[in-house]
Amino acid sequence: MNSHSKADQLHPEAQKGIELFNRGDFYKAHDPLELAWMKTRPPERDLYQGILLIGLAYYQISLGNYRGAIKMFKKGQQRLNILGDNLLGVNLIKLRTDAEIVEHAIRHLGPKHLHDLDQELIKPVPLT
């Protein structure tokens, strides 16, 4: 018997969204992640919303929107912090830490120097 059931896999739309996120296409990642969270329940819904919101924070950074990025980091972390260490193959400890590092870096840079962010700090969704 297969111990890996359909219930413990990422929703297909979430997989698409995470692939886009991991390519740095945070804007395009929004729609499939939103479709996935609309079709699921917690805790999966919180996972997909959290990834979507962190992606939106990164997108806001690319637009130079400091306040928008900070707001999205806060909302994303609120979703992710209620989850455990790993869900559906996503390493949540690393995802939260990666986002915190970027948030800390942009807070240090401030709104006028957002464009100076080291883009290497922006990491993909860590899958196990």
C-alpha atoms as a PDB file:
ATOM      1  CA  MET A   1       0.000   0.000   0.000  1.00  0.00           C
ATOM      2  CA  ASN A   2       1.226   3.500  -0.828  1.00  0.00           C
ATOM      3  CA  SER A   3       1.809   5.457   2.390  1.00  0.00           C
ATOM      4  CA  HIS A   4       1.853   8.743   0.461  1.00  0.00           C
ATOM      5  CA  SER A   5      -1.813   9.571   0.014  1.00  0.00           C
ATOM      6  CA  LYS A   6      -3.296  12.365  -2.074  1.00  0.00           C
ATOM      7  CA  ALA A   7      -4.198  14.218   1.151  1.00  0.00           C
ATOM      8  CA  ASP A   8      -0.559  14.749   2.101  1.00  0.00           C
ATOM      9  CA  GLN A   9       0.567  16.235  -1.220  1.00  0.00           C
ATOM     10  CA  LEU A  10       0.608  19.826  -2.394  1.00  0.00           C
ATOM     11  CA  HIS A  11      -2.480  20.881  -4.321  1.00  0.00           C
ATOM     12  CA  PRO A  12      -1.642  20.910  -8.080  1.00  0.00           C
ATOM     13  CA  GLU A  13      -2.309  24.668  -8.302  1.00  0.00           C
ATOM     14  CA  ALA A  14      -0.046  25.237  -5.296  1.00  0.00           C
ATOM     15  CA  GLN A  15       2.683  23.254  -7.057  1.00  0.00           C
ATOM     16  CA  LYS A  16       2.349  25.603 -10.060  1.00  0.00           C
ATOM     17  CA  GLY A  17       2.417  28.643  -7.792  1.00  0.00           C
ATOM     18  CA  ILE A  18       5.498  27.421  -5.928  1.00  0.00           C
ATOM     19  CA  GLU A  19       7.289  26.733  -9.228  1.00  0.00           C
ATOM     20  CA  LEU A  20       6.583  30.321 -10.323  1.00  0.00           C
ATOM     21  CA  PHE A  21       7.630  31.657  -6.898  1.00  0.00           C
ATOM     22  CA  ASN A  22      10.865  29.666  -7.087  1.00  0.00           C
ATOM     23  CA  ARG A  23      11.620  31.174 -10.515  1.00  0.00           C
ATOM     24  CA  GLY A  24      11.171  34.636  -8.997  1.00  0.00           C
ATOM     25  CA  ASP A  25       7.883  35.286 -10.777  1.00  0.00           C
ATOM     26  CA  PHE A  26       6.072  36.344  -7.632  1.00  0.00           C
ATOM     27  CA  TYR A  27       3.283  38.203  -9.440  1.00  0.00           C
ATOM     28  CA  LYS A  28       2.310  35.192 -11.578  1.00  0.00           C
ATOM     29  CA  ALA A  29       2.571  32.871  -8.539  1.00  0.00           C
ATOM     30  CA  HIS A  30      -0.328  34.690  -6.887  1.00  0.00           C
ATOM     31  CA  ASP A  31      -3.200  33.258  -8.974  1.00  0.00           C
ATOM     32  CA  PRO A  32      -2.417  29.527  -8.703  1.00  0.00           C
ATOM     33  CA  LEU A  33      -1.658  29.877  -4.985  1.00  0.00           C
ATOM     34  CA  GLU A  34      -4.946  31.713  -4.493  1.00  0.00           C
ATOM     35  CA  LEU A  35      -6.817  28.982  -6.391  1.00  0.00           C
ATOM     36  CA  ALA A  36      -5.186  26.373  -4.159  1.00  0.00           C
ATOM     37  CA  TRP A  37      -6.100  28.099  -0.907  1.00  0.00           C
ATOM     38  CA  MET A  38      -9.659  28.688  -2.074  1.00  0.00           C
ATOM     39  CA  LYS A  39     -10.031  24.922  -2.645  1.00  0.00           C
ATOM     40  CA  THR A  40      -8.484  23.737   0.639  1.00  0.00           C
ATOM     41  CA  ARG A  41      -8.969  23.953   4.393  1.00  0.00           C
ATOM     42  CA  PRO A  42      -6.558  24.764   7.203  1.00  0.00           C
ATOM     43  CA  PRO A  43      -3.746  23.939   7.670  1.00  0.00           C
ATOM     44  CA  GLU A  44      -3.157  23.658   3.891  1.00  0.00           C
ATOM     45  CA  ARG A  45      -5.028  26.928   3.301  1.00  0.00           C
ATOM     46  CA  ASP A  46      -2.763  28.737   5.784  1.00  0.00           C
ATOM     47  CA  LEU A  47       0.314  27.299   4.082  1.00  0.00           C
ATOM     48  CA  TYR A  48      -0.746  28.478   0.629  1.00  0.00           C
ATOM     49  CA  GLN A  49      -1.824  31.896   1.907  1.00  0.00           C
ATOM     50  CA  GLY A  50       1.471  32.263   3.774  1.00  0.00           C
ATOM     51  CA  ILE A  51       3.549  31.431   0.693  1.00  0.00           C
ATOM     52  CA  LEU A  52       1.393  33.756  -1.426  1.00  0.00           C
ATOM     53  CA  LEU A  53       1.848  36.621   1.059  1.00  0.00           C
ATOM     54  CA  ILE A  54       5.624  36.148   1.307  1.00  0.00           C
ATOM     55  CA  GLY A  55       5.722  36.143  -2.502  1.00  0.00           C
ATOM     56  CA  LEU A  56       3.719  39.378  -2.498  1.00  0.00           C
ATOM     57  CA  ALA A  57       6.227  40.880  -0.060  1.00  0.00           C
ATOM     58  CA  TYR A  58       9.035  40.030  -2.499  1.00  0.00           C
ATOM     59  CA  TYR A  59       6.980  41.468  -5.366  1.00  0.00           C
ATOM     60  CA  GLN A  60       6.411  44.696  -3.395  1.00  0.00           C
ATOM     61  CA  ILE A  61      10.174  44.952  -2.891  1.00  0.00           C
ATOM     62  CA  SER A  62      10.630  44.746  -6.680  1.00  0.00           C
ATOM     63  CA  LEU A  63       8.157  47.640  -7.033  1.00  0.00           C
ATOM     64  CA  GLY A  64      10.018  49.690  -4.423  1.00  0.00           C
ATOM     65  CA  ASN A  65       6.999  49.578  -2.094  1.00  0.00           C
ATOM     66  CA  TYR A  66       8.576  49.405   1.370  1.00  0.00           C
ATOM     67  CA  ARG A  67       5.334  49.699   3.366  1.00  0.00           C
ATOM     68  CA  GLY A  68       3.597  47.125   1.170  1.00  0.00           C
ATOM     69  CA  ALA A  69       6.472  44.672   1.613  1.00  0.00           C
ATOM     70  CA  ILE A  70       6.494  45.071   5.411  1.00  0.00           C
ATOM     71  CA  LYS A  71       2.706  44.598   5.522  1.00  0.00           C
ATOM     72  CA  MET A  72       2.868  41.419   3.405  1.00  0.00           C
ATOM     73  CA  PHE A  73       5.733  39.975   5.494  1.00  0.00           C
ATOM     74  CA  LYS A  74       3.677  40.520   8.651  1.00  0.00           C
ATOM     75  CA  LYS A  75       0.558  38.890   7.193  1.00  0.00           C
ATOM     76  CA  GLY A  76       2.550  36.021   5.688  1.00  0.00           C
ATOM     77  CA  GLN A  77       4.386  35.277   8.923  1.00  0.00           C
ATOM     78  CA  GLN A  78       1.071  35.320  10.824  1.00  0.00           C
ATOM     79  CA  ARG A  79      -0.182  32.543   8.527  1.00  0.00           C
ATOM     80  CA  LEU A  80       3.044  30.529   8.643  1.00  0.00           C
ATOM     81  CA  ASN A  81       3.679  30.892  12.393  1.00  0.00           C
ATOM     82  CA  ILE A  82       0.557  28.891  13.287  1.00  0.00           C
ATOM     83  CA  LEU A  83       1.885  25.905  11.339  1.00  0.00           C
ATOM     84  CA  GLY A  84       4.484  23.397  12.472  1.00  0.00           C
ATOM     85  CA  ASP A  85       7.985  22.810  11.167  1.00  0.00           C
ATOM     86  CA  ASN A  86       7.031  21.001   7.969  1.00  0.00           C
ATOM     87  CA  LEU A  87       3.789  20.683   6.019  1.00  0.00           C
ATOM     88  CA  LEU A  88       3.196  18.928   2.699  1.00  0.00           C
ATOM     89  CA  GLY A  89       6.920  18.797   2.061  1.00  0.00           C
ATOM     90  CA  VAL A  90       7.527  22.507   2.715  1.00  0.00           C
ATOM     91  CA  ASN A  91      10.284  23.229   5.254  1.00  0.00           C
ATOM     92  CA  LEU A  92       8.448  25.911   7.217  1.00  0.00           C
ATOM     93  CA  ILE A  93      11.337  26.677   9.551  1.00  0.00           C
ATOM     94  CA  LYS A  94      13.518  27.633   6.577  1.00  0.00           C
ATOM     95  CA  LEU A  95      10.702  29.454   4.760  1.00  0.00           C
ATOM     96  CA  ARG A  96       9.951  31.610   7.827  1.00  0.00           C
ATOM     97  CA  THR A  97      13.652  32.225   8.513  1.00  0.00           C
ATOM     98  CA  ASP A  98      14.375  33.171   4.880  1.00  0.00           C
ATOM     99  CA  ALA A  99      11.494  35.669   4.926  1.00  0.00           C
ATOM    100  CA  GLU A 100      12.642  37.095   8.290  1.00  0.00           C
ATOM    101  CA  ILE A 101      16.149  37.642   6.898  1.00  0.00           C
ATOM    102  CA  VAL A 102      14.786  39.610   3.932  1.00  0.00           C
ATOM    103  CA  GLU A 103      12.395  41.593   6.133  1.00  0.00           C
ATOM    104  CA  HIS A 104      15.221  42.442   8.535  1.00  0.00           C
ATOM    105  CA  ALA A 105      17.430  43.496   5.615  1.00  0.00           C
ATOM    106  CA  ILE A 106      14.833  45.845   4.131  1.00  0.00           C
ATOM    107  CA  ARG A 107      14.049  47.338   7.542  1.00  0.00           C
ATOM    108  CA  HIS A 108      17.784  48.016   7.889  1.00  0.00           C
ATOM    109  CA  LEU A 109      17.954  49.569   4.405  1.00  0.00           C
ATOM    110  CA  GLY A 110      14.818  51.654   4.871  1.00  0.00           C
ATOM    111  CA  PRO A 111      12.355  52.824   2.208  1.00  0.00           C
ATOM    112  CA  LYS A 112      14.822  54.996   0.296  1.00  0.00           C
ATOM    113  CA  HIS A 113      17.364  52.190  -0.206  1.00  0.00           C
ATOM    114  CA  LEU A 114      15.073  49.256  -0.925  1.00  0.00           C
ATOM    115  CA  HIS A 115      16.673  48.903  -4.377  1.00  0.00           C
ATOM    116  CA  ASP A 116      19.991  48.111  -2.617  1.00  0.00           C
ATOM    117  CA  LEU A 117      18.647  44.809  -1.278  1.00  0.00           C
ATOM    118  CA  ASP A 118      20.939  41.891  -2.058  1.00  0.00           C
ATOM    119  CA  GLN A 119      18.641  39.808  -4.297  1.00  0.00           C
ATOM    120  CA  GLU A 120      20.552  36.682  -3.259  1.00  0.00           C
ATOM    121  CA  LEU A 121      18.719  36.920   0.086  1.00  0.00           C
ATOM    122  CA  ILE A 122      15.437  36.046  -1.629  1.00  0.00           C
ATOM    123  CA  LYS A 123      15.237  32.259  -1.507  1.00  0.00           C
ATOM    124  CA  PRO A 124      12.853  29.759  -3.098  1.00  0.00           C
ATOM    125  CA  VAL A 125      10.205  27.885  -1.149  1.00  0.00           C
ATOM    126  CA  PRO A 126      12.240  25.117   0.529  1.00  0.00           C
ATOM    127  CA  LEU A 127      10.813  21.729  -0.374  1.00  0.00           C
ATOM    128  CA  THR A 128      11.878  18.536   1.383  1.00  0.00           C
END
